[in-house]
Amino acid sequence: MQAIGSGVAIAEETPLALAAAMLAIVDRRHEFRALADQRIGLARRTHSPRTFMDKLFEIQKRVLPQAVVLDCHR
């Protein structure tokens, strides 16, 4: 989240921790919005269908190294 977006992480999954995180976001919303705006390009590339397929084929090549892997990008 820090590298490609903005927000607050909570260490414990309790209603009180969630409420505190929500209040922190409200208090710092302009800061979080500016960070999100700066990182939107990287976030879109990171979560794109192309990136997903590339990762999927990397895993497939490691698991099945002798298999013929079709390249869907051609």
Protein backbone atom coordinates (compact mmCIF):
# COMPACT_ATOMS: atom_id res chain seq x y z
CA MET A 1 0.00 0.00 0.00
CA GLN A 2 2.82 2.42 0.79
CA ALA A 3 4.51 1.97 -2.57
CA ILE A 4 1.53 2.40 -4.88
CA GLY A 5 -1.28 4.02 -2.93
CA SER A 6 -2.08 5.77 0.27
CA GLY A 7 -3.93 4.83 3.39
CA VAL A 8 -3.67 3.57 6.92
CA ALA A 9 -2.95 0.02 8.02
CA ILE A 10 -4.23 -1.38 11.29
CA ALA A 11 -2.21 -3.79 13.42
CA GLU A 12 -5.14 -5.39 15.21
CA GLU A 13 -8.52 -6.26 13.75
CA THR A 14 -10.76 -4.62 16.30
CA PRO A 15 -13.61 -2.13 15.93
CA LEU A 16 -11.62 0.43 17.94
CA ALA A 17 -8.53 0.09 15.70
CA LEU A 18 -10.69 0.39 12.58
CA ALA A 19 -12.43 3.50 13.94
CA ALA A 20 -9.05 5.09 14.80
CA ALA A 21 -7.77 4.35 11.29
CA MET A 22 -10.88 5.87 9.74
CA LEU A 23 -10.47 9.02 11.83
CA ALA A 24 -6.79 9.24 10.81
CA ILE A 25 -7.78 9.06 7.15
CA VAL A 26 -10.37 11.80 7.62
CA ASP A 27 -7.87 14.02 9.45
CA ARG A 28 -5.19 13.48 6.77
CA ARG A 29 -7.42 13.14 3.69
CA HIS A 30 -5.66 15.87 1.71
CA GLU A 31 -2.28 14.21 2.27
CA PHE A 32 -3.65 10.79 1.29
CA ARG A 33 -5.35 12.21 -1.80
CA ALA A 34 -2.13 13.90 -2.94
CA LEU A 35 -0.16 10.65 -2.48
CA ALA A 36 -2.79 8.64 -4.33
CA ASP A 37 -2.80 11.13 -7.21
CA GLN A 38 1.00 10.93 -7.48
CA ARG A 39 1.02 7.13 -7.51
CA ILE A 40 -1.99 6.40 -9.70
CA GLY A 41 0.08 5.50 -12.77
CA LEU A 42 2.16 2.96 -10.88
CA ALA A 43 -0.93 1.51 -9.21
CA ARG A 44 -2.66 1.06 -12.58
CA ARG A 45 0.39 -0.64 -14.06
CA THR A 46 0.80 -2.86 -11.00
CA HIS A 47 -2.82 -4.04 -11.08
CA SER A 48 -3.29 -4.18 -14.84
CA PRO A 49 -4.49 -7.27 -16.71
CA ARG A 50 -1.15 -7.36 -18.53
CA THR A 51 0.80 -7.49 -15.26
CA PHE A 52 -1.51 -10.20 -13.96
CA MET A 53 -0.95 -12.34 -17.07
CA ASP A 54 2.82 -11.79 -16.92
CA LYS A 55 2.87 -12.97 -13.29
CA LEU A 56 0.67 -15.93 -14.12
CA PHE A 57 3.01 -17.05 -16.92
CA GLU A 58 6.06 -16.58 -14.66
CA ILE A 59 4.49 -18.99 -12.16
CA GLN A 60 3.54 -21.42 -14.91
CA LYS A 61 7.11 -21.46 -16.26
CA ARG A 62 8.48 -22.22 -12.76
CA VAL A 63 5.94 -24.94 -12.05
CA LEU A 64 6.01 -26.52 -15.51
CA PRO A 65 9.42 -25.63 -16.98
CA GLN A 66 9.20 -28.16 -19.84
CA ALA A 67 5.66 -27.22 -20.85
CA VAL A 68 4.94 -25.13 -23.88
CA VAL A 69 3.68 -21.78 -22.65
CA LEU A 70 1.51 -19.78 -24.99
CA ASP A 71 2.35 -16.11 -25.21
CA CYS A 72 -0.94 -14.23 -25.13
CA HIS A 73 0.79 -10.91 -25.89
CA ARG A 74 1.54 -11.71 -29.52
